[in-house]
C-alpha atoms as a PDB file:
ATOM      1  CA  UNK A   1      -0.013   0.058  -0.068  1.00  0.00           C
ATOM      2  CA  UNK A   2       1.311   3.497  -0.915  1.00  0.00           C
ATOM      3  CA  UNK A   3       1.717   5.816   1.915  1.00  0.00           C
ATOM      4  CA  UNK A   4       2.480   8.759   0.027  1.00  0.00           C
ATOM      5  CA  UNK A   5       0.608  11.802   1.228  1.00  0.00           C
ATOM      6  CA  UNK A   6       0.443  15.587   0.690  1.00  0.00           C
ATOM      7  CA  UNK A   7       1.684  18.090   3.052  1.00  0.00           C
ATOM      8  CA  UNK A   8      -1.657  19.446   3.980  1.00  0.00           C
ATOM      9  CA  UNK A   9      -2.767  15.926   4.808  1.00  0.00           C
ATOM     10  CA  UNK A  10      -0.041  15.650   7.067  1.00  0.00           C
ATOM     11  CA  UNK A  11      -0.689  18.754   8.806  1.00  0.00           C
ATOM     12  CA  UNK A  12      -4.438  18.079   9.138  1.00  0.00           C
ATOM     13  CA  UNK A  13      -3.309  15.143  11.336  1.00  0.00           C
ATOM     14  CA  UNK A  14      -1.558  17.350  13.597  1.00  0.00           C
ATOM     15  CA  UNK A  15      -3.811  19.032  16.194  1.00  0.00           C
ATOM     16  CA  UNK A  16      -3.475  21.642  18.447  1.00  0.00           C
ATOM     17  CA  UNK A  17      -2.323  20.207  21.762  1.00  0.00           C
ATOM     18  CA  UNK A  18      -0.575  17.330  20.110  1.00  0.00           C
ATOM     19  CA  UNK A  19       2.897  16.176  21.528  1.00  0.00           C
ATOM     20  CA  UNK A  20       5.585  15.889  18.717  1.00  0.00           C
ATOM     21  CA  UNK A  21       9.091  14.539  18.527  1.00  0.00           C
ATOM     22  CA  UNK A  22      11.231  15.838  15.915  1.00  0.00           C
ATOM     23  CA  UNK A  23      14.144  13.925  14.277  1.00  0.00           C
ATOM     24  CA  UNK A  24      17.559  14.752  13.526  1.00  0.00           C
ATOM     25  CA  UNK A  25      19.988  16.687  15.639  1.00  0.00           C
ATOM     26  CA  UNK A  26      20.580  20.358  16.218  1.00  0.00           C
ATOM     27  CA  UNK A  27      20.457  21.613  12.477  1.00  0.00           C
ATOM     28  CA  UNK A  28      21.061  18.292  10.923  1.00  0.00           C
ATOM     29  CA  UNK A  29      18.338  16.759   8.838  1.00  0.00           C
ATOM     30  CA  UNK A  30      15.363  18.574  10.609  1.00  0.00           C
ATOM     31  CA  UNK A  31      11.890  18.395   8.718  1.00  0.00           C
ATOM     32  CA  UNK A  32      11.793  22.251   8.549  1.00  0.00           C
ATOM     33  CA  UNK A  33       9.397  22.098   5.648  1.00  0.00           C
ATOM     34  CA  UNK A  34       6.955  20.158   7.706  1.00  0.00           C
ATOM     35  CA  UNK A  35       7.497  22.645  10.591  1.00  0.00           C
ATOM     36  CA  UNK A  36       7.007  25.679   8.426  1.00  0.00           C
ATOM     37  CA  UNK A  37       3.571  24.202   7.129  1.00  0.00           C
ATOM     38  CA  UNK A  38       2.586  23.579  10.874  1.00  0.00           C
ATOM     39  CA  UNK A  39       3.233  27.186  11.578  1.00  0.00           C
ATOM     40  CA  UNK A  40       1.252  28.134   8.630  1.00  0.00           C
ATOM     41  CA  UNK A  41      -1.788  26.273   9.922  1.00  0.00           C
ATOM     42  CA  UNK A  42      -1.754  28.031  13.193  1.00  0.00           C
ATOM     43  CA  UNK A  43      -1.524  25.133  15.577  1.00  0.00           C
ATOM     44  CA  UNK A  44      -1.051  25.869  19.175  1.00  0.00           C
ATOM     45  CA  UNK A  45      -0.273  24.411  22.523  1.00  0.00           C
ATOM     46  CA  UNK A  46       2.286  21.602  21.062  1.00  0.00           C
ATOM     47  CA  UNK A  47       4.538  19.821  23.389  1.00  0.00           C
ATOM     48  CA  UNK A  48       7.824  19.335  21.386  1.00  0.00           C
ATOM     49  CA  UNK A  49      10.639  17.086  21.943  1.00  0.00           C
ATOM     50  CA  UNK A  50      13.921  17.432  20.162  1.00  0.00           C
ATOM     51  CA  UNK A  51      17.510  17.686  20.025  1.00  0.00           C
ATOM     52  CA  UNK A  52      16.719  21.221  19.923  1.00  0.00           C
ATOM     53  CA  UNK A  53      17.973  23.474  17.270  1.00  0.00           C
ATOM     54  CA  UNK A  54      16.214  26.056  14.789  1.00  0.00           C
ATOM     55  CA  UNK A  55      13.259  23.604  14.749  1.00  0.00           C
ATOM     56  CA  UNK A  56      12.181  24.310  18.220  1.00  0.00           C
ATOM     57  CA  UNK A  57      13.067  27.781  18.252  1.00  0.00           C
ATOM     58  CA  UNK A  58      11.044  28.475  15.024  1.00  0.00           C
ATOM     59  CA  UNK A  59       7.847  26.969  16.890  1.00  0.00           C
ATOM     60  CA  UNK A  60       8.424  28.936  19.960  1.00  0.00           C
ATOM     61  CA  UNK A  61       8.578  32.023  17.864  1.00  0.00           C
ATOM     62  CA  UNK A  62       5.496  31.081  16.342  1.00  0.00           C
ATOM     63  CA  UNK A  63       3.417  30.942  19.204  1.00  0.00           C
ATOM     64  CA  UNK A  64       2.806  27.044  18.827  1.00  0.00           C
ATOM     65  CA  UNK A  65       4.404  25.626  22.015  1.00  0.00           C
ATOM     66  CA  UNK A  66       3.324  24.937  25.571  1.00  0.00           C
ATOM     67  CA  UNK A  67       5.848  22.676  26.655  1.00  0.00           C
ATOM     68  CA  UNK A  68       9.393  21.573  25.435  1.00  0.00           C
ATOM     69  CA  UNK A  69      11.226  18.096  26.585  1.00  0.00           C
ATOM     70  CA  UNK A  70      14.891  18.384  25.343  1.00  0.00           C
ATOM     71  CA  UNK A  71      18.564  17.483  26.379  1.00  0.00           C
ATOM     72  CA  UNK A  72      20.174  20.419  24.751  1.00  0.00           C
ATOM     73  CA  UNK A  73      19.580  23.659  22.345  1.00  0.00           C
ATOM     74  CA  UNK A  74      21.899  25.031  20.051  1.00  0.00           C
ATOM     75  CA  UNK A  75      23.050  25.634  16.493  1.00  0.00           C
ATOM     76  CA  UNK A  76      25.770  23.353  16.547  1.00  0.00           C
ATOM     77  CA  UNK A  77      28.063  24.720  13.814  1.00  0.00           C
ATOM     78  CA  UNK A  78      26.705  28.245  13.594  1.00  0.00           C
ATOM     79  CA  UNK A  79      28.132  31.236  15.627  1.00  0.00           C
ATOM     80  CA  UNK A  80      24.610  32.409  16.596  1.00  0.00           C
ATOM     81  CA  UNK A  81      21.653  31.913  18.910  1.00  0.00           C
ATOM     82  CA  UNK A  82      18.460  30.650  19.401  1.00  0.00           C
ATOM     83  CA  UNK A  83      16.747  34.078  20.378  1.00  0.00           C
ATOM     84  CA  UNK A  84      13.111  32.889  20.914  1.00  0.00           C
ATOM     85  CA  UNK A  85      14.128  29.802  22.939  1.00  0.00           C
ATOM     86  CA  UNK A  86      16.139  31.969  25.071  1.00  0.00           C
ATOM     87  CA  UNK A  87      13.621  34.597  25.524  1.00  0.00           C
ATOM     88  CA  UNK A  88      10.780  31.881  26.357  1.00  0.00           C
ATOM     89  CA  UNK A  89      13.318  30.217  28.547  1.00  0.00           C
ATOM     90  CA  UNK A  90      14.278  33.373  30.509  1.00  0.00           C
ATOM     91  CA  UNK A  91      10.680  34.867  30.770  1.00  0.00           C
ATOM     92  CA  UNK A  92       9.288  31.280  31.898  1.00  0.00           C
ATOM     93  CA  UNK A  93       6.190  31.642  29.054  1.00  0.00           C
ATOM     94  CA  UNK A  94       6.424  27.877  28.436  1.00  0.00           C
ATOM     95  CA  UNK A  95       7.263  24.795  30.256  1.00  0.00           C
ATOM     96  CA  UNK A  96      10.837  23.320  29.994  1.00  0.00           C
ATOM     97  CA  UNK A  97      11.818  19.751  31.088  1.00  0.00           C
ATOM     98  CA  UNK A  98      15.454  19.601  31.092  1.00  0.00           C
ATOM     99  CA  UNK A  99      16.822  16.078  30.644  1.00  0.00           C
ATOM    100  CA  UNK A 100      20.235  14.631  30.136  1.00  0.00           C
ATOM    101  CA  UNK A 101      20.853  13.201  26.457  1.00  0.00           C
ATOM    102  CA  UNK A 102      20.678   9.666  28.009  1.00  0.00           C
ATOM    103  CA  UNK A 103      17.575  10.354  29.992  1.00  0.00           C
ATOM    104  CA  UNK A 104      15.984  11.672  26.950  1.00  0.00           C
ATOM    105  CA  UNK A 105      16.480   8.718  24.861  1.00  0.00           C
ATOM    106  CA  UNK A 106      15.638   6.280  27.784  1.00  0.00           C
ATOM    107  CA  UNK A 107      12.105   7.869  27.725  1.00  0.00           C
ATOM    108  CA  UNK A 108      11.656   6.903  24.109  1.00  0.00           C
ATOM    109  CA  UNK A 109      13.227   3.654  24.618  1.00  0.00           C
ATOM    110  CA  UNK A 110      10.539   2.858  27.336  1.00  0.00           C
ATOM    111  CA  UNK A 111       7.808   4.000  25.128  1.00  0.00           C
ATOM    112  CA  UNK A 112       9.138   2.026  22.035  1.00  0.00           C
ATOM    113  CA  UNK A 113       9.235  -0.994  24.249  1.00  0.00           C
ATOM    114  CA  UNK A 114       5.835  -0.406  25.560  1.00  0.00           C
ATOM    115  CA  UNK A 115       7.385   0.147  29.023  1.00  0.00           C
ATOM    116  CA  UNK A 116       6.266   2.452  31.586  1.00  0.00           C
ATOM    117  CA  UNK A 117       9.642   3.584  32.517  1.00  0.00           C
ATOM    118  CA  UNK A 118      13.379   2.732  31.498  1.00  0.00           C
ATOM    119  CA  UNK A 119      16.149   2.123  34.140  1.00  0.00           C
ATOM    120  CA  UNK A 120      19.153   4.209  33.807  1.00  0.00           C
ATOM    121  CA  UNK A 121      22.033   5.840  35.813  1.00  0.00           C
ATOM    122  CA  UNK A 122      21.892   9.055  33.927  1.00  0.00           C
ATOM    123  CA  UNK A 123      20.905  11.879  35.967  1.00  0.00           C
ATOM    124  CA  UNK A 124      22.127  10.247  39.468  1.00  0.00           C
ATOM    125  CA  UNK A 125      23.875  13.111  41.388  1.00  0.00           C
ATOM    126  CA  UNK A 126      22.643  15.767  39.298  1.00  0.00           C
ATOM    127  CA  UNK A 127      20.216  18.710  39.829  1.00  0.00           C
ATOM    128  CA  UNK A 128      17.849  17.070  37.097  1.00  0.00           C
ATOM    129  CA  UNK A 129      16.184  15.048  39.638  1.00  0.00           C
ATOM    130  CA  UNK A 130      15.764  18.035  42.192  1.00  0.00           C
ATOM    131  CA  UNK A 131      14.395  20.197  39.165  1.00  0.00           C
ATOM    132  CA  UNK A 132      11.857  17.345  38.065  1.00  0.00           C
ATOM    133  CA  UNK A 133      10.535  15.547  40.997  1.00  0.00           C
ATOM    134  CA  UNK A 134       8.203  13.520  39.130  1.00  0.00           C
ATOM    135  CA  UNK A 135      11.147  11.508  37.848  1.00  0.00           C
ATOM    136  CA  UNK A 136      11.492   8.792  40.554  1.00  0.00           C
ATOM    137  CA  UNK A 137      14.385   6.560  41.907  1.00  0.00           C
ATOM    138  CA  UNK A 138      14.063   2.763  41.993  1.00  0.00           C
ATOM    139  CA  UNK A 139      16.107  -0.020  43.589  1.00  0.00           C
ATOM    140  CA  UNK A 140      17.392  -2.841  41.568  1.00  0.00           C
ATOM    141  CA  UNK A 141      15.809  -6.127  43.085  1.00  0.00           C
ATOM    142  CA  UNK A 142      18.968  -7.793  42.187  1.00  0.00           C
ATOM    143  CA  UNK A 143      21.712  -5.542  43.349  1.00  0.00           C
ATOM    144  CA  UNK A 144      19.954  -2.863  45.529  1.00  0.00           C
ATOM    145  CA  UNK A 145      21.482  -0.101  43.384  1.00  0.00           C
ATOM    146  CA  UNK A 146      19.595   2.987  43.142  1.00  0.00           C
ATOM    147  CA  UNK A 147      18.426   3.688  39.536  1.00  0.00           C
ATOM    148  CA  UNK A 148      16.682   6.444  37.737  1.00  0.00           C
ATOM    149  CA  UNK A 149      13.232   5.444  36.502  1.00  0.00           C
ATOM    150  CA  UNK A 150      12.944   7.542  33.506  1.00  0.00           C
ATOM    151  CA  UNK A 151       9.179   7.628  32.667  1.00  0.00           C
ATOM    152  CA  UNK A 152       8.078   6.856  29.050  1.00  0.00           C
ATOM    153  CA  UNK A 153       7.990   9.569  26.398  1.00  0.00           C
ATOM    154  CA  UNK A 154       5.130   8.653  24.267  1.00  0.00           C
ATOM    155  CA  UNK A 155       4.510  11.312  21.512  1.00  0.00           C
ATOM    156  CA  UNK A 156       1.537  11.416  19.525  1.00  0.00           C
ATOM    157  CA  UNK A 157       3.465  12.108  16.299  1.00  0.00           C
ATOM    158  CA  UNK A 158       7.152  11.688  15.130  1.00  0.00           C
ATOM    159  CA  UNK A 159       8.405  14.031  12.268  1.00  0.00           C
ATOM    160  CA  UNK A 160      11.442  12.772  10.553  1.00  0.00           C
ATOM    161  CA  UNK A 161      13.705  13.992   7.394  1.00  0.00           C
ATOM    162  CA  UNK A 162      15.573  11.327   5.349  1.00  0.00           C
ATOM    163  CA  UNK A 163      17.537  11.389   2.102  1.00  0.00           C
ATOM    164  CA  UNK A 164      15.273   8.962   0.272  1.00  0.00           C
ATOM    165  CA  UNK A 165      12.113   6.866   0.535  1.00  0.00           C
ATOM    166  CA  UNK A 166      10.054   4.548  -1.570  1.00  0.00           C
ATOM    167  CA  UNK A 167       6.230   4.885  -1.429  1.00  0.00           C
ATOM    168  CA  UNK A 168       6.006   1.922   1.200  1.00  0.00           C
ATOM    169  CA  UNK A 169       7.855   3.768   3.775  1.00  0.00           C
ATOM    170  CA  UNK A 170      11.315   2.256   3.522  1.00  0.00           C
ATOM    171  CA  UNK A 171      13.461   5.294   4.511  1.00  0.00           C
ATOM    172  CA  UNK A 172      17.063   5.802   3.703  1.00  0.00           C
ATOM    173  CA  UNK A 173      19.153   7.914   5.873  1.00  0.00           C
ATOM    174  CA  UNK A 174      22.895   8.333   4.530  1.00  0.00           C
ATOM    175  CA  UNK A 175      24.685  10.244   7.345  1.00  0.00           C
ATOM    176  CA  UNK A 176      24.116   9.524  11.047  1.00  0.00           C
ATOM    177  CA  UNK A 177      20.793   8.397  11.947  1.00  0.00           C
ATOM    178  CA  UNK A 178      20.965   9.582  15.406  1.00  0.00           C
ATOM    179  CA  UNK A 179      17.841   8.245  17.306  1.00  0.00           C
ATOM    180  CA  UNK A 180      15.237   8.577  14.667  1.00  0.00           C
ATOM    181  CA  UNK A 181      15.004   4.742  14.661  1.00  0.00           C
ATOM    182  CA  UNK A 182      13.955   5.037  18.297  1.00  0.00           C
ATOM    183  CA  UNK A 183      11.524   8.050  17.898  1.00  0.00           C
ATOM    184  CA  UNK A 184       9.397   6.270  15.202  1.00  0.00           C
ATOM    185  CA  UNK A 185       8.856   3.248  17.469  1.00  0.00           C
ATOM    186  CA  UNK A 186       7.750   5.341  20.413  1.00  0.00           C
ATOM    187  CA  UNK A 187       5.117   7.529  18.442  1.00  0.00           C
ATOM    188  CA  UNK A 188       1.513   6.700  17.647  1.00  0.00           C
ATOM    189  CA  UNK A 189       1.987   8.255  14.196  1.00  0.00           C
ATOM    190  CA  UNK A 190       5.025   8.895  12.151  1.00  0.00           C
ATOM    191  CA  UNK A 191       5.428  11.130   9.071  1.00  0.00           C
ATOM    192  CA  UNK A 192       8.378  11.105   6.982  1.00  0.00           C
ATOM    193  CA  UNK A 193       9.498  13.610   4.400  1.00  0.00           C
ATOM    194  CA  UNK A 194      12.352  12.883   2.133  1.00  0.00           C
ATOM    195  CA  UNK A 195      14.739  14.710  -0.503  1.00  0.00           C
ATOM    196  CA  UNK A 196      13.328  11.991  -3.257  1.00  0.00           C
ATOM    197  CA  UNK A 197      11.048   9.262  -3.458  1.00  0.00           C
ATOM    198  CA  UNK A 198      12.476   6.456  -5.125  1.00  0.00           C
ATOM    199  CA  UNK A 199      11.321   3.016  -6.413  1.00  0.00           C
ATOM    200  CA  UNK A 200      11.925   0.001  -3.951  1.00  0.00           C
ATOM    201  CA  UNK A 201      14.642  -1.437  -6.371  1.00  0.00           C
ATOM    202  CA  UNK A 202      16.898   1.330  -5.787  1.00  0.00           C
ATOM    203  CA  UNK A 203      16.186   1.230  -1.943  1.00  0.00           C
ATOM    204  CA  UNK A 204      16.726  -2.438  -1.841  1.00  0.00           C
ATOM    205  CA  UNK A 205      20.327  -1.988  -3.719  1.00  0.00           C
ATOM    206  CA  UNK A 206      21.564  -0.216  -0.418  1.00  0.00           C
ATOM    207  CA  UNK A 207      19.196  -1.757   2.004  1.00  0.00           C
ATOM    208  CA  UNK A 208      21.791  -1.303   4.809  1.00  0.00           C
ATOM    209  CA  UNK A 209      21.119   2.262   4.933  1.00  0.00           C
ATOM    210  CA  UNK A 210      17.110   1.822   5.303  1.00  0.00           C
ATOM    211  CA  UNK A 211      16.964   2.775   8.881  1.00  0.00           C
ATOM    212  CA  UNK A 212      13.107   3.270   9.257  1.00  0.00           C
ATOM    213  CA  UNK A 213      10.828   0.584   7.828  1.00  0.00           C
ATOM    214  CA  UNK A 214       7.299   0.382   6.490  1.00  0.00           C
ATOM    215  CA  UNK A 215       5.545  -1.066   9.721  1.00  0.00           C
ATOM    216  CA  UNK A 216       6.452   2.311  11.613  1.00  0.00           C
ATOM    217  CA  UNK A 217       5.449   4.931   8.754  1.00  0.00           C
ATOM    218  CA  UNK A 218       2.093   6.549   8.586  1.00  0.00           C
ATOM    219  CA  UNK A 219       3.060   8.861   5.846  1.00  0.00           C
ATOM    220  CA  UNK A 220       5.716   9.966   3.329  1.00  0.00           C
ATOM    221  CA  UNK A 221       6.203  12.889   1.273  1.00  0.00           C
ATOM    222  CA  UNK A 222       8.896  14.202  -0.921  1.00  0.00           C
ATOM    223  CA  UNK A 223       9.980  17.648   0.148  1.00  0.00           C
ATOM    224  CA  UNK A 224      13.310  18.642  -1.730  1.00  0.00           C
ATOM    225  CA  UNK A 225      15.586  20.608   0.510  1.00  0.00           C
ATOM    226  CA  UNK A 226      13.003  20.075   3.399  1.00  0.00           C
ATOM    227  CA  UNK A 227      15.976  20.372   6.032  1.00  0.00           C
ATOM    228  CA  UNK A 228      16.943  23.904   5.014  1.00  0.00           C
ATOM    229  CA  UNK A 229      18.364  26.167   6.443  1.00  0.00           C
ATOM    230  CA  UNK A 230      20.103  22.984   7.986  1.00  0.00           C
ATOM    231  CA  UNK A 231      21.871  20.339   6.461  1.00  0.00           C
ATOM    232  CA  UNK A 232      20.906  17.164   4.899  1.00  0.00           C
ATOM    233  CA  UNK A 233      24.265  15.191   4.376  1.00  0.00           C
ATOM    234  CA  UNK A 234      25.435  14.588   1.633  1.00  0.00           C
ATOM    235  CA  UNK A 235      22.693  16.534  -0.293  1.00  0.00           C
ATOM    236  CA  UNK A 236      23.540  19.934   0.954  1.00  0.00           C
ATOM    237  CA  UNK A 237      25.116  21.823   3.604  1.00  0.00           C
ATOM    238  CA  UNK A 238      24.103  24.421   5.818  1.00  0.00           C
ATOM    239  CA  UNK A 239      22.737  27.819   4.376  1.00  0.00           C
ATOM    240  CA  UNK A 240      25.072  29.864   6.752  1.00  0.00           C
ATOM    241  CA  UNK A 241      23.825  33.241   5.364  1.00  0.00           C
ATOM    242  CA  UNK A 242      20.172  32.251   6.077  1.00  0.00           C
ATOM    243  CA  UNK A 243      20.899  30.919   9.472  1.00  0.00           C
ATOM    244  CA  UNK A 244      22.820  34.213  10.375  1.00  0.00           C
ATOM    245  CA  UNK A 245      19.411  36.307   8.894  1.00  0.00           C
ATOM    246  CA  UNK A 246      17.248  33.838  10.952  1.00  0.00           C
ATOM    247  CA  UNK A 247      19.316  34.387  14.256  1.00  0.00           C
ATOM    248  CA  UNK A 248      19.146  38.046  13.778  1.00  0.00           C
ATOM    249  CA  UNK A 249      15.454  37.924  13.328  1.00  0.00           C
ATOM    250  CA  UNK A 250      14.912  36.491  16.554  1.00  0.00           C
ATOM    251  CA  UNK A 251      16.200  39.552  18.655  1.00  0.00           C
ATOM    252  CA  UNK A 252      12.373  40.453  19.503  1.00  0.00           C
ATOM    253  CA  UNK A 253       9.236  39.292  18.416  1.00  0.00           C
ATOM    254  CA  UNK A 254       8.251  41.792  15.822  1.00  0.00           C
ATOM    255  CA  UNK A 255      11.469  41.306  14.190  1.00  0.00           C
ATOM    256  CA  UNK A 256      10.560  37.608  14.115  1.00  0.00           C
ATOM    257  CA  UNK A 257       7.069  38.272  12.777  1.00  0.00           C
ATOM    258  CA  UNK A 258       8.690  40.044   9.695  1.00  0.00           C
ATOM    259  CA  UNK A 259      10.831  36.888   9.297  1.00  0.00           C
ATOM    260  CA  UNK A 260       7.648  34.617   9.316  1.00  0.00           C
ATOM    261  CA  UNK A 261       5.699  36.878   7.081  1.00  0.00           C
ATOM    262  CA  UNK A 262       8.632  37.042   4.599  1.00  0.00           C
ATOM    263  CA  UNK A 263       9.487  33.194   4.548  1.00  0.00           C
ATOM    264  CA  UNK A 264       6.473  31.445   5.951  1.00  0.00           C
ATOM    265  CA  UNK A 265       3.137  33.035   6.410  1.00  0.00           C
ATOM    266  CA  UNK A 266       3.520  34.909   2.852  1.00  0.00           C
ATOM    267  CA  UNK A 267       4.794  31.884   1.180  1.00  0.00           C
ATOM    268  CA  UNK A 268       2.244  28.996   0.318  1.00  0.00           C
ATOM    269  CA  UNK A 269       4.475  25.998  -0.633  1.00  0.00           C
ATOM    270  CA  UNK A 270       7.704  24.601  -0.073  1.00  0.00           C
ATOM    271  CA  UNK A 271       8.754  25.404  -3.944  1.00  0.00           C
ATOM    272  CA  UNK A 272       7.903  29.080  -3.154  1.00  0.00           C
ATOM    273  CA  UNK A 273       9.880  29.044   0.015  1.00  0.00           C
ATOM    274  CA  UNK A 274      12.936  27.713  -1.906  1.00  0.00           C
ATOM    275  CA  UNK A 275      12.293  30.537  -4.351  1.00  0.00           C
ATOM    276  CA  UNK A 276      12.127  33.269  -1.584  1.00  0.00           C
ATOM    277  CA  UNK A 277      15.466  31.894  -0.289  1.00  0.00           C
ATOM    278  CA  UNK A 278      17.294  32.519  -3.245  1.00  0.00           C
ATOM    279  CA  UNK A 279      15.962  29.993  -5.848  1.00  0.00           C
ATOM    280  CA  UNK A 280      18.059  27.543  -8.276  1.00  0.00           C
ATOM    281  CA  UNK A 281      21.568  29.630  -7.792  1.00  0.00           C
ATOM    282  CA  UNK A 282      21.271  29.387  -3.841  1.00  0.00           C
ATOM    283  CA  UNK A 283      20.403  25.649  -3.999  1.00  0.00           C
ATOM    284  CA  UNK A 284      23.245  24.825  -6.441  1.00  0.00           C
ATOM    285  CA  UNK A 285      25.561  26.532  -4.130  1.00  0.00           C
ATOM    286  CA  UNK A 286      24.399  24.463  -0.943  1.00  0.00           C
ATOM    287  CA  UNK A 287      25.351  21.381  -2.883  1.00  0.00           C
ATOM    288  CA  UNK A 288      29.126  22.734  -3.723  1.00  0.00           C
END
């Protein structure tokens, strides 16, 4: 059965108040085209889980978020800041749950294995447990050791961007898959955007690169440059100039609203967005 869907069909299944986990890492292989469409749709009160970068910052700046569960937030390779994230953190206007990377992944492992929690040593001796007293300690019945019982993180929806996919939902990642393969097993629905939809024969020739498999996929769609302004190795690199422009726009809400009008609210589709950021010449330069 073909799982190809349109961007509008995808976003119609994201409700205000939904919890979503976003694949990728920092500004690497983030499903930005999907997130821009979510912003256009006006969804609100989302709980967002992510190795956070421009993805979370964008949703916060668009007033779409009520809660963020995250292990870090940053631009990674760019000497810029996440102004919307920082402002929301300082002003305490949304709820933030700070976890270590291991605790974050343990929560998804629990959900993926249909467990209520996952035992881990991560967090022991840190302030995380004081900041979040709802995270409990347990005692090993075998050794008596105290362990953190990281509760399951069970998102309604996982959003992932990959290099290629076929119509059935075999999804190929050519760079580091990070933990996308765990996220998709933890979520109730999984939507995957890809640089290109290819035939299954092409996928099968490099099946070892298929990280996400059809049983986990709800819908798949082709969105070229869908991770822009971040990178999607080896297809294209970070659009550093646009990242700097984006970062400057987060200096205050009115300036960021101007950015949203220019690149998101005032743009109807992904191909129009790509024209707005420089068109074919810019896209070719990102491949160089």
